[in-house]
Each structure stands twice: as C-alpha cells, then as structure tokens.
N, C-alpha and C. Protein backbone atom coordinates (compact mmCIF):
# COMPACT_ATOMS: atom_id res chain seq x y z
N MET A 1 0.84 -1.18 0.00
CA MET A 1 0.00 0.00 0.00
C MET A 1 0.89 1.24 0.00
N LYS A 2 0.72 2.09 -0.96
CA LYS A 2 1.46 3.34 -1.03
C LYS A 2 0.62 4.43 -0.38
N LEU A 3 1.30 5.42 0.21
CA LEU A 3 0.60 6.56 0.77
C LEU A 3 -0.06 7.35 -0.33
N ASP A 4 -1.04 8.15 0.02
CA ASP A 4 -1.68 9.01 -0.96
C ASP A 4 -0.65 9.92 -1.60
N THR A 5 -0.86 10.26 -2.84
CA THR A 5 0.05 11.14 -3.56
C THR A 5 0.01 12.53 -2.95
N PRO A 6 1.18 13.11 -2.70
CA PRO A 6 1.21 14.48 -2.17
C PRO A 6 0.49 15.43 -3.12
N THR A 7 -0.18 16.42 -2.55
CA THR A 7 -0.96 17.33 -3.38
C THR A 7 -0.32 18.68 -3.55
N SER A 8 0.73 18.99 -2.81
CA SER A 8 1.34 20.31 -2.96
C SER A 8 2.85 20.21 -2.86
N LEU A 9 3.52 21.08 -3.62
CA LEU A 9 4.97 21.16 -3.56
C LEU A 9 5.35 22.36 -2.73
N THR A 10 6.39 22.23 -1.93
CA THR A 10 6.88 23.33 -1.12
C THR A 10 8.39 23.40 -1.31
N SER A 11 8.89 24.55 -1.68
CA SER A 11 10.32 24.71 -1.81
C SER A 11 10.91 24.90 -0.42
N CYS A 12 11.99 24.18 -0.12
CA CYS A 12 12.53 24.26 1.22
C CYS A 12 13.95 23.71 1.25
N THR A 13 14.56 23.80 2.41
CA THR A 13 15.86 23.19 2.64
C THR A 13 15.60 21.84 3.30
N THR A 14 16.21 20.78 2.77
CA THR A 14 15.94 19.45 3.29
C THR A 14 17.23 18.79 3.76
N ALA A 15 17.07 17.65 4.40
CA ALA A 15 18.22 16.88 4.88
C ALA A 15 19.10 16.42 3.72
N LEU A 16 18.54 16.34 2.53
CA LEU A 16 19.31 15.88 1.38
C LEU A 16 20.01 17.02 0.66
N GLY A 17 19.82 18.26 1.12
CA GLY A 17 20.58 19.37 0.58
C GLY A 17 19.89 20.18 -0.49
N THR A 18 18.66 19.86 -0.88
CA THR A 18 17.99 20.70 -1.86
C THR A 18 17.64 22.01 -1.19
N LYS A 19 17.71 23.09 -1.93
CA LYS A 19 17.52 24.40 -1.33
C LYS A 19 16.43 25.17 -2.05
N GLY A 20 15.77 26.03 -1.31
CA GLY A 20 14.73 26.88 -1.86
C GLY A 20 14.54 28.07 -0.94
N PRO A 21 13.57 28.92 -1.23
CA PRO A 21 13.42 30.16 -0.47
C PRO A 21 12.88 30.01 0.94
N LEU A 22 12.27 28.88 1.26
CA LEU A 22 11.64 28.71 2.57
C LEU A 22 12.49 27.78 3.43
N ASP A 23 12.92 28.26 4.62
CA ASP A 23 13.68 27.41 5.53
C ASP A 23 12.70 26.66 6.42
N VAL A 24 12.29 25.49 5.97
CA VAL A 24 11.28 24.70 6.68
C VAL A 24 11.82 24.17 8.00
N TRP A 25 13.13 23.94 8.09
CA TRP A 25 13.71 23.39 9.32
C TRP A 25 13.38 24.25 10.53
N ALA A 26 13.22 25.52 10.36
CA ALA A 26 12.91 26.41 11.48
C ALA A 26 11.53 26.11 12.06
N HIS A 27 10.67 25.44 11.28
CA HIS A 27 9.29 25.20 11.70
C HIS A 27 8.96 23.71 11.89
N MET A 28 9.86 22.82 11.49
CA MET A 28 9.57 21.40 11.57
C MET A 28 10.13 20.79 12.85
N ASN A 29 9.47 19.75 13.28
CA ASN A 29 9.93 18.96 14.42
C ASN A 29 10.73 17.77 13.88
N PRO A 30 11.72 17.29 14.64
CA PRO A 30 12.52 16.16 14.17
C PRO A 30 11.71 14.86 14.19
N MET A 31 12.09 13.93 13.33
CA MET A 31 11.40 12.65 13.25
C MET A 31 11.52 11.85 14.54
N ALA A 32 12.52 12.13 15.34
CA ALA A 32 12.66 11.44 16.63
C ALA A 32 11.47 11.71 17.55
N THR A 33 10.74 12.80 17.31
CA THR A 33 9.57 13.14 18.13
C THR A 33 8.26 12.84 17.42
N PHE A 34 8.32 12.23 16.24
CA PHE A 34 7.13 11.91 15.44
C PHE A 34 6.30 10.82 16.10
N ASN A 35 4.99 11.05 16.21
CA ASN A 35 4.06 10.06 16.74
C ASN A 35 3.13 9.66 15.60
N PRO A 36 3.29 8.47 15.03
CA PRO A 36 2.49 8.07 13.88
C PRO A 36 1.00 7.92 14.17
N ASP A 37 0.63 7.94 15.46
CA ASP A 37 -0.78 7.83 15.82
C ASP A 37 -1.52 9.17 15.77
N GLU A 38 -0.79 10.25 15.54
CA GLU A 38 -1.39 11.59 15.53
C GLU A 38 -1.36 12.17 14.12
N PRO A 39 -2.45 12.82 13.70
CA PRO A 39 -2.42 13.48 12.39
C PRO A 39 -1.45 14.65 12.41
N CYS A 40 -0.74 14.84 11.31
CA CYS A 40 0.22 15.93 11.18
C CYS A 40 0.58 16.05 9.71
N ARG A 41 1.56 16.87 9.42
CA ARG A 41 2.12 16.95 8.07
C ARG A 41 3.57 16.49 8.17
N VAL A 42 3.96 15.52 7.35
CA VAL A 42 5.34 15.05 7.31
C VAL A 42 5.98 15.57 6.04
N HIS A 43 7.29 15.82 6.12
CA HIS A 43 8.01 16.29 4.94
C HIS A 43 8.79 15.15 4.33
N ASP A 44 8.61 14.95 3.03
CA ASP A 44 9.35 13.95 2.28
C ASP A 44 10.49 14.66 1.56
N ALA A 45 11.73 14.44 2.03
CA ALA A 45 12.90 15.09 1.45
C ALA A 45 13.19 14.60 0.04
N LEU A 46 12.85 13.37 -0.27
CA LEU A 46 13.12 12.81 -1.59
C LEU A 46 12.37 13.57 -2.67
N ASN A 47 11.09 13.85 -2.43
CA ASN A 47 10.25 14.54 -3.40
C ASN A 47 10.02 16.01 -3.06
N ASN A 48 10.59 16.47 -1.94
CA ASN A 48 10.45 17.84 -1.48
C ASN A 48 8.99 18.26 -1.39
N THR A 49 8.19 17.44 -0.69
CA THR A 49 6.76 17.71 -0.54
C THR A 49 6.33 17.45 0.89
N PHE A 50 5.22 18.03 1.24
CA PHE A 50 4.56 17.72 2.50
C PHE A 50 3.41 16.78 2.23
N ILE A 51 3.19 15.85 3.16
CA ILE A 51 2.10 14.88 3.06
C ILE A 51 1.29 14.96 4.33
N ASP A 52 -0.02 15.03 4.19
CA ASP A 52 -0.90 14.99 5.36
C ASP A 52 -0.89 13.55 5.89
N TRP A 53 -0.32 13.38 7.07
CA TRP A 53 -0.19 12.05 7.68
C TRP A 53 -1.53 11.58 8.21
N LYS A 54 -1.86 10.32 7.93
CA LYS A 54 -3.10 9.71 8.42
C LYS A 54 -2.75 8.67 9.49
N PRO A 55 -3.35 8.77 10.67
CA PRO A 55 -3.04 7.81 11.74
C PRO A 55 -3.26 6.35 11.36
N GLU A 56 -4.11 6.08 10.37
CA GLU A 56 -4.33 4.68 9.97
C GLU A 56 -3.07 4.07 9.33
N TRP A 57 -2.06 4.88 9.02
CA TRP A 57 -0.80 4.37 8.49
C TRP A 57 0.17 3.97 9.61
N ALA A 58 -0.19 4.19 10.86
CA ALA A 58 0.73 4.00 11.99
C ALA A 58 1.26 2.57 12.10
N ALA A 59 0.41 1.58 11.95
CA ALA A 59 0.86 0.19 12.09
C ALA A 59 1.90 -0.15 11.02
N ARG A 60 1.67 0.27 9.79
CA ARG A 60 2.63 0.02 8.70
C ARG A 60 3.93 0.78 8.96
N TYR A 61 3.81 2.01 9.48
CA TYR A 61 5.00 2.79 9.79
C TYR A 61 5.86 2.05 10.82
N ARG A 62 5.23 1.58 11.88
CA ARG A 62 5.97 0.87 12.93
C ARG A 62 6.65 -0.39 12.39
N GLU A 63 6.01 -1.04 11.45
CA GLU A 63 6.55 -2.29 10.91
C GLU A 63 7.66 -2.05 9.88
N TYR A 64 7.50 -1.04 9.03
CA TYR A 64 8.40 -0.90 7.89
C TYR A 64 9.34 0.30 7.90
N ALA A 65 9.12 1.29 8.73
CA ALA A 65 10.00 2.46 8.75
C ALA A 65 11.38 2.06 9.23
N ALA A 66 12.40 2.66 8.60
CA ALA A 66 13.79 2.33 8.96
C ALA A 66 14.64 3.59 8.87
N PRO A 67 15.63 3.72 9.76
CA PRO A 67 16.53 4.86 9.66
C PRO A 67 17.24 4.86 8.31
N HIS A 68 17.33 6.02 7.70
CA HIS A 68 18.01 6.16 6.41
C HIS A 68 19.31 6.94 6.58
N ASP A 69 19.24 8.01 7.31
CA ASP A 69 20.36 8.90 7.57
C ASP A 69 20.04 9.57 8.90
N GLU A 70 20.94 10.34 9.44
CA GLU A 70 20.68 11.02 10.70
C GLU A 70 19.45 11.92 10.56
N GLY A 71 18.41 11.63 11.35
CA GLY A 71 17.19 12.42 11.34
C GLY A 71 16.25 12.14 10.18
N VAL A 72 16.55 11.13 9.36
CA VAL A 72 15.73 10.81 8.19
C VAL A 72 15.26 9.36 8.29
N ILE A 73 13.97 9.16 8.05
CA ILE A 73 13.36 7.84 8.11
C ILE A 73 12.90 7.44 6.71
N ALA A 74 13.30 6.26 6.26
CA ALA A 74 12.81 5.72 4.99
C ALA A 74 11.52 4.97 5.26
N PHE A 75 10.48 5.30 4.49
CA PHE A 75 9.19 4.64 4.66
C PHE A 75 8.40 4.74 3.37
N ASP A 76 7.99 3.61 2.84
CA ASP A 76 7.08 3.54 1.70
C ASP A 76 7.57 4.34 0.50
N GLY A 77 8.87 4.27 0.23
CA GLY A 77 9.44 4.99 -0.90
C GLY A 77 9.68 6.46 -0.65
N LEU A 78 9.55 6.90 0.61
CA LEU A 78 9.74 8.30 0.99
C LEU A 78 10.93 8.41 1.93
N LEU A 79 11.46 9.62 2.05
CA LEU A 79 12.49 9.92 3.05
C LEU A 79 11.95 11.03 3.94
N LEU A 80 11.40 10.65 5.06
CA LEU A 80 10.76 11.60 5.97
C LEU A 80 11.82 12.25 6.84
N ASP A 81 11.86 13.58 6.80
CA ASP A 81 12.91 14.29 7.54
C ASP A 81 12.38 15.31 8.54
N GLY A 82 11.09 15.36 8.74
CA GLY A 82 10.51 16.26 9.73
C GLY A 82 8.99 16.26 9.66
N TRP A 83 8.40 16.83 10.68
CA TRP A 83 6.93 16.90 10.72
C TRP A 83 6.51 18.19 11.39
N GLU A 84 5.25 18.56 11.15
CA GLU A 84 4.67 19.73 11.80
C GLU A 84 3.20 19.43 12.11
N PRO A 85 2.67 20.06 13.16
CA PRO A 85 1.27 19.84 13.49
C PRO A 85 0.35 20.34 12.38
N MET A 86 -0.84 19.81 12.35
CA MET A 86 -1.83 20.26 11.37
C MET A 86 -2.32 21.65 11.74
C-alpha cells in the first residue's frame, strides 16, 4: 500500500541538501519526536513535498519504517525528515 500522492509542492531546505526560499527546518519537528498515531504533516525530502499524515498508516510505519540517515526515516518509498502539526 502506497501513501496518498502528495498534493502540494513546497520549496525548502531538506536533509538531502535541496535548497529553496523557505527554511522549513525552522518550523519542523525532528522525526525522533514523530508520533504516527497523531495526524500531522510530514516532509518527504526525496520529493520535497509535505504529506498529510493519516493515523491509519501508523501500524505500517511501525513495521516498515527504517533509519536512512541522521534524522531521516525511509518509509514507503519516501524519506521523511521532519513533521509539523496540522
């Protein structure tokens, strides 16, 4: 099962080094504090997009998410590098 396709692009600075006019890191929480049971917006550094996180994905996240790099989690073809409340 793949997550829903992201609906918006946001230019930002990511853990992978892509740069844009918005410094999202100033507003994002680290993945170490991410609670998959709570709705939020997660940032996918690979595609440079935000995804509205759905708590029904929590069980799959717990089973398949894996550390990719410092502060980055690989999950379902994404590289999650931060989150923010809805």
